[in-house]
Amino acid sequence: MFYLDEDTWTVVYEDAYDTRKQLWRIGVHPMNQFYDAKMPWFRANIWHDLNNRAYLLSGLDNEIKAPWVFGEKGTFAEFQPDALRRLGTK
């Protein structure tokens, strides 16, 4: 089951149930409004596994000094399978 933000229609919270229909895992996806780019974007992704008492937190950027850049254009070649090999040679 997931819950959508009413303004952006993006998933901001989710519940996952096991085969016994017991709550097993929850996901929280906080968003931030980037006013200069006129768009909201995810600030982090947090998953809690209630059975294993574990969590995963990803997407934190609090040590990044440069601001996010939106609207960059990519070339077709950047999305081809060999693009990763080309990046590795730089």
N, C-alpha and C. Protein backbone atom coordinates (compact mmCIF):
# COMPACT_ATOMS: atom_id res chain seq x y z
N MET A 1 0.85 -1.15 0.00
CA MET A 1 0.00 0.00 0.00
C MET A 1 0.91 1.23 0.00
N PHE A 2 0.56 2.22 -0.78
CA PHE A 2 1.38 3.42 -0.78
C PHE A 2 0.49 4.66 -0.72
N TYR A 3 1.09 5.73 -0.29
CA TYR A 3 0.38 6.99 -0.11
C TYR A 3 1.03 8.05 -0.99
N LEU A 4 0.20 8.78 -1.70
CA LEU A 4 0.69 9.79 -2.63
C LEU A 4 0.55 11.18 -2.03
N ASP A 5 1.50 12.03 -2.35
CA ASP A 5 1.38 13.44 -2.03
C ASP A 5 0.30 14.03 -2.92
N GLU A 6 -0.62 14.78 -2.35
CA GLU A 6 -1.76 15.27 -3.13
C GLU A 6 -1.38 16.28 -4.20
N ASP A 7 -0.27 16.98 -4.03
CA ASP A 7 0.11 18.00 -5.01
C ASP A 7 0.97 17.45 -6.13
N THR A 8 1.88 16.54 -5.80
CA THR A 8 2.84 16.04 -6.80
C THR A 8 2.50 14.65 -7.32
N TRP A 9 1.63 13.96 -6.65
CA TRP A 9 1.25 12.59 -7.00
C TRP A 9 2.44 11.64 -6.96
N THR A 10 3.38 11.89 -6.09
CA THR A 10 4.52 10.99 -5.92
C THR A 10 4.35 10.22 -4.61
N VAL A 11 4.95 9.04 -4.56
CA VAL A 11 4.86 8.19 -3.37
C VAL A 11 5.74 8.79 -2.28
N VAL A 12 5.14 9.08 -1.13
CA VAL A 12 5.89 9.64 -0.01
C VAL A 12 5.90 8.71 1.20
N TYR A 13 5.05 7.68 1.18
CA TYR A 13 5.00 6.73 2.28
C TYR A 13 4.46 5.43 1.74
N GLU A 14 5.00 4.30 2.23
CA GLU A 14 4.51 3.01 1.77
C GLU A 14 4.56 1.98 2.88
N ASP A 15 3.59 1.08 2.86
CA ASP A 15 3.52 -0.04 3.79
C ASP A 15 3.62 -1.33 3.00
N ALA A 16 4.42 -2.27 3.48
CA ALA A 16 4.53 -3.58 2.85
C ALA A 16 4.12 -4.63 3.88
N TYR A 17 3.32 -5.58 3.44
CA TYR A 17 2.80 -6.62 4.32
C TYR A 17 3.36 -7.97 3.91
N ASP A 18 3.54 -8.86 4.91
CA ASP A 18 4.04 -10.20 4.62
C ASP A 18 2.88 -11.12 4.24
N THR A 19 3.16 -12.41 4.07
CA THR A 19 2.13 -13.35 3.64
C THR A 19 1.06 -13.58 4.70
N ARG A 20 1.34 -13.21 5.95
CA ARG A 20 0.35 -13.32 7.03
C ARG A 20 -0.45 -12.03 7.18
N LYS A 21 -0.25 -11.10 6.25
CA LYS A 21 -0.92 -9.79 6.25
C LYS A 21 -0.54 -8.96 7.47
N GLN A 22 0.69 -9.14 7.94
CA GLN A 22 1.23 -8.35 9.03
C GLN A 22 2.16 -7.29 8.44
N LEU A 23 2.14 -6.10 9.03
CA LEU A 23 3.01 -5.03 8.56
C LEU A 23 4.46 -5.47 8.71
N TRP A 24 5.20 -5.44 7.61
CA TRP A 24 6.55 -5.96 7.57
C TRP A 24 7.57 -4.85 7.38
N ARG A 25 7.31 -3.96 6.46
CA ARG A 25 8.28 -2.93 6.10
C ARG A 25 7.53 -1.64 5.78
N ILE A 26 8.14 -0.51 6.17
CA ILE A 26 7.57 0.78 5.79
C ILE A 26 8.64 1.60 5.08
N GLY A 27 8.21 2.44 4.19
CA GLY A 27 9.11 3.33 3.48
C GLY A 27 8.63 4.77 3.62
N VAL A 28 9.56 5.64 3.89
CA VAL A 28 9.27 7.07 4.02
C VAL A 28 10.18 7.81 3.04
N HIS A 29 9.60 8.69 2.25
CA HIS A 29 10.35 9.38 1.20
C HIS A 29 10.07 10.88 1.29
N PRO A 30 10.77 11.59 2.19
CA PRO A 30 10.53 13.02 2.34
C PRO A 30 10.94 13.80 1.10
N MET A 31 10.18 14.85 0.84
CA MET A 31 10.44 15.67 -0.35
C MET A 31 10.81 17.09 0.06
N ASN A 32 11.44 17.77 -0.87
CA ASN A 32 11.84 19.16 -0.68
C ASN A 32 11.41 19.93 -1.92
N GLN A 33 10.88 21.12 -1.74
CA GLN A 33 10.50 21.94 -2.88
C GLN A 33 11.70 22.79 -3.30
N PHE A 34 12.15 22.62 -4.53
CA PHE A 34 13.22 23.44 -5.09
C PHE A 34 12.54 24.59 -5.86
N TYR A 35 12.42 25.72 -5.21
CA TYR A 35 11.67 26.84 -5.77
C TYR A 35 12.33 27.43 -7.01
N ASP A 36 13.65 27.42 -7.06
CA ASP A 36 14.32 27.97 -8.24
C ASP A 36 14.07 27.11 -9.48
N ALA A 37 13.93 25.79 -9.30
CA ALA A 37 13.66 24.90 -10.43
C ALA A 37 12.16 24.66 -10.62
N LYS A 38 11.36 25.17 -9.69
CA LYS A 38 9.90 25.01 -9.72
C LYS A 38 9.49 23.56 -9.75
N MET A 39 10.12 22.77 -8.85
CA MET A 39 9.75 21.35 -8.78
C MET A 39 10.11 20.78 -7.42
N PRO A 40 9.34 19.79 -6.96
CA PRO A 40 9.71 19.06 -5.75
C PRO A 40 10.61 17.89 -6.11
N TRP A 41 11.44 17.47 -5.16
CA TRP A 41 12.31 16.33 -5.39
C TRP A 41 12.55 15.62 -4.07
N PHE A 42 12.86 14.33 -4.14
CA PHE A 42 13.07 13.54 -2.93
C PHE A 42 14.32 13.99 -2.19
N ARG A 43 14.21 14.12 -0.91
CA ARG A 43 15.33 14.51 -0.05
C ARG A 43 16.10 13.29 0.42
N ALA A 44 15.40 12.18 0.62
CA ALA A 44 16.03 10.94 1.09
C ALA A 44 15.04 9.80 0.86
N ASN A 45 15.50 8.59 1.06
CA ASN A 45 14.66 7.40 1.05
C ASN A 45 14.98 6.60 2.30
N ILE A 46 13.96 6.25 3.05
CA ILE A 46 14.15 5.54 4.31
C ILE A 46 13.24 4.32 4.31
N TRP A 47 13.82 3.15 4.52
CA TRP A 47 13.04 1.92 4.63
C TRP A 47 13.31 1.30 5.99
N HIS A 48 12.25 0.93 6.69
CA HIS A 48 12.35 0.25 7.98
C HIS A 48 11.83 -1.17 7.83
N ASP A 49 12.67 -2.16 8.15
CA ASP A 49 12.26 -3.56 8.17
C ASP A 49 11.88 -3.88 9.61
N LEU A 50 10.60 -4.04 9.87
CA LEU A 50 10.13 -4.20 11.24
C LEU A 50 10.43 -5.58 11.80
N ASN A 51 10.54 -6.60 10.96
CA ASN A 51 10.87 -7.95 11.44
C ASN A 51 12.32 -8.06 11.85
N ASN A 52 13.22 -7.52 11.06
CA ASN A 52 14.66 -7.62 11.33
C ASN A 52 15.18 -6.47 12.18
N ARG A 53 14.32 -5.51 12.47
CA ARG A 53 14.71 -4.32 13.22
C ARG A 53 15.90 -3.62 12.56
N ALA A 54 15.79 -3.47 11.26
CA ALA A 54 16.86 -2.84 10.48
C ALA A 54 16.27 -1.70 9.66
N TYR A 55 17.13 -0.84 9.16
CA TYR A 55 16.67 0.23 8.30
C TYR A 55 17.74 0.53 7.26
N LEU A 56 17.31 1.16 6.19
CA LEU A 56 18.21 1.62 5.15
C LEU A 56 17.86 3.07 4.87
N LEU A 57 18.85 3.92 4.92
CA LEU A 57 18.68 5.35 4.64
C LEU A 57 19.59 5.69 3.48
N SER A 58 19.02 6.21 2.41
CA SER A 58 19.83 6.55 1.24
C SER A 58 19.43 7.91 0.71
N GLY A 59 20.32 8.48 -0.07
CA GLY A 59 20.04 9.74 -0.74
C GLY A 59 20.37 10.98 0.06
N LEU A 60 21.03 10.83 1.19
CA LEU A 60 21.40 12.02 1.97
C LEU A 60 22.49 12.80 1.23
N ASP A 61 22.38 14.10 1.28
CA ASP A 61 23.36 14.93 0.58
C ASP A 61 23.82 16.09 1.45
N ASN A 62 23.80 15.93 2.77
CA ASN A 62 24.11 17.06 3.65
C ASN A 62 25.58 17.49 3.61
N GLU A 63 26.47 16.71 3.02
CA GLU A 63 27.86 17.13 2.94
C GLU A 63 28.23 17.64 1.55
N ILE A 64 27.28 17.69 0.64
CA ILE A 64 27.53 18.20 -0.71
C ILE A 64 27.40 19.71 -0.67
N LYS A 65 28.44 20.40 -1.11
CA LYS A 65 28.47 21.87 -1.03
C LYS A 65 27.80 22.55 -2.23
N ALA A 66 27.90 21.95 -3.41
CA ALA A 66 27.34 22.57 -4.62
C ALA A 66 25.83 22.36 -4.67
N PRO A 67 25.08 23.34 -5.15
CA PRO A 67 23.63 23.17 -5.25
C PRO A 67 23.27 22.18 -6.36
N TRP A 68 22.10 21.59 -6.24
CA TRP A 68 21.60 20.67 -7.26
C TRP A 68 21.35 21.44 -8.55
N VAL A 69 21.57 20.79 -9.68
CA VAL A 69 21.35 21.40 -10.99
C VAL A 69 20.26 20.60 -11.69
N PHE A 70 19.21 21.27 -12.10
CA PHE A 70 18.11 20.63 -12.83
C PHE A 70 18.09 21.13 -14.26
N GLY A 71 17.56 20.33 -15.16
CA GLY A 71 17.36 20.76 -16.53
C GLY A 71 18.55 20.55 -17.44
N GLU A 72 19.56 19.76 -17.01
CA GLU A 72 20.70 19.51 -17.90
C GLU A 72 20.27 18.59 -19.04
N LYS A 73 20.82 18.80 -20.19
CA LYS A 73 20.51 17.99 -21.36
C LYS A 73 21.57 16.92 -21.54
N GLY A 74 21.14 15.74 -21.95
CA GLY A 74 22.07 14.64 -22.22
C GLY A 74 22.05 14.28 -23.69
N THR A 75 23.09 13.63 -24.13
CA THR A 75 23.14 13.16 -25.51
C THR A 75 22.71 11.70 -25.57
N PHE A 76 22.34 11.23 -26.73
CA PHE A 76 21.94 9.85 -26.91
C PHE A 76 23.08 8.90 -26.52
N ALA A 77 24.31 9.27 -26.84
CA ALA A 77 25.47 8.42 -26.55
C ALA A 77 25.68 8.22 -25.05
N GLU A 78 25.24 9.15 -24.22
CA GLU A 78 25.42 9.02 -22.78
C GLU A 78 24.53 7.94 -22.18
N PHE A 79 23.54 7.48 -22.92
CA PHE A 79 22.62 6.47 -22.42
C PHE A 79 22.79 5.12 -23.11
N GLN A 80 23.88 4.94 -23.80
CA GLN A 80 24.19 3.68 -24.46
C GLN A 80 24.97 2.78 -23.51
N PRO A 81 24.93 1.44 -23.71
CA PRO A 81 25.61 0.52 -22.79
C PRO A 81 27.10 0.78 -22.61
N ASP A 82 27.78 1.26 -23.63
CA ASP A 82 29.22 1.48 -23.51
C ASP A 82 29.57 2.82 -22.85
N ALA A 83 28.56 3.59 -22.43
CA ALA A 83 28.80 4.89 -21.81
C ALA A 83 29.55 4.72 -20.49
N LEU A 84 29.28 3.66 -19.74
CA LEU A 84 30.00 3.43 -18.48
C LEU A 84 31.48 3.15 -18.73
N ARG A 85 31.77 2.41 -19.79
CA ARG A 85 33.19 2.13 -20.12
C ARG A 85 33.91 3.43 -20.46
N ARG A 86 33.24 4.28 -21.20
CA ARG A 86 33.88 5.56 -21.55
C ARG A 86 34.12 6.42 -20.31
N LEU A 87 33.23 6.39 -19.35
CA LEU A 87 33.42 7.15 -18.12
C LEU A 87 34.59 6.62 -17.31
N GLY A 88 34.83 5.32 -17.37
CA GLY A 88 35.92 4.72 -16.60
C GLY A 88 37.30 5.06 -17.12
N THR A 89 37.41 5.57 -18.32
CA THR A 89 38.72 5.88 -18.88
C THR A 89 39.14 7.31 -18.61
N LYS A 90 38.30 8.10 -17.99
CA LYS A 90 38.64 9.52 -17.74
C LYS A 90 39.49 9.66 -16.51
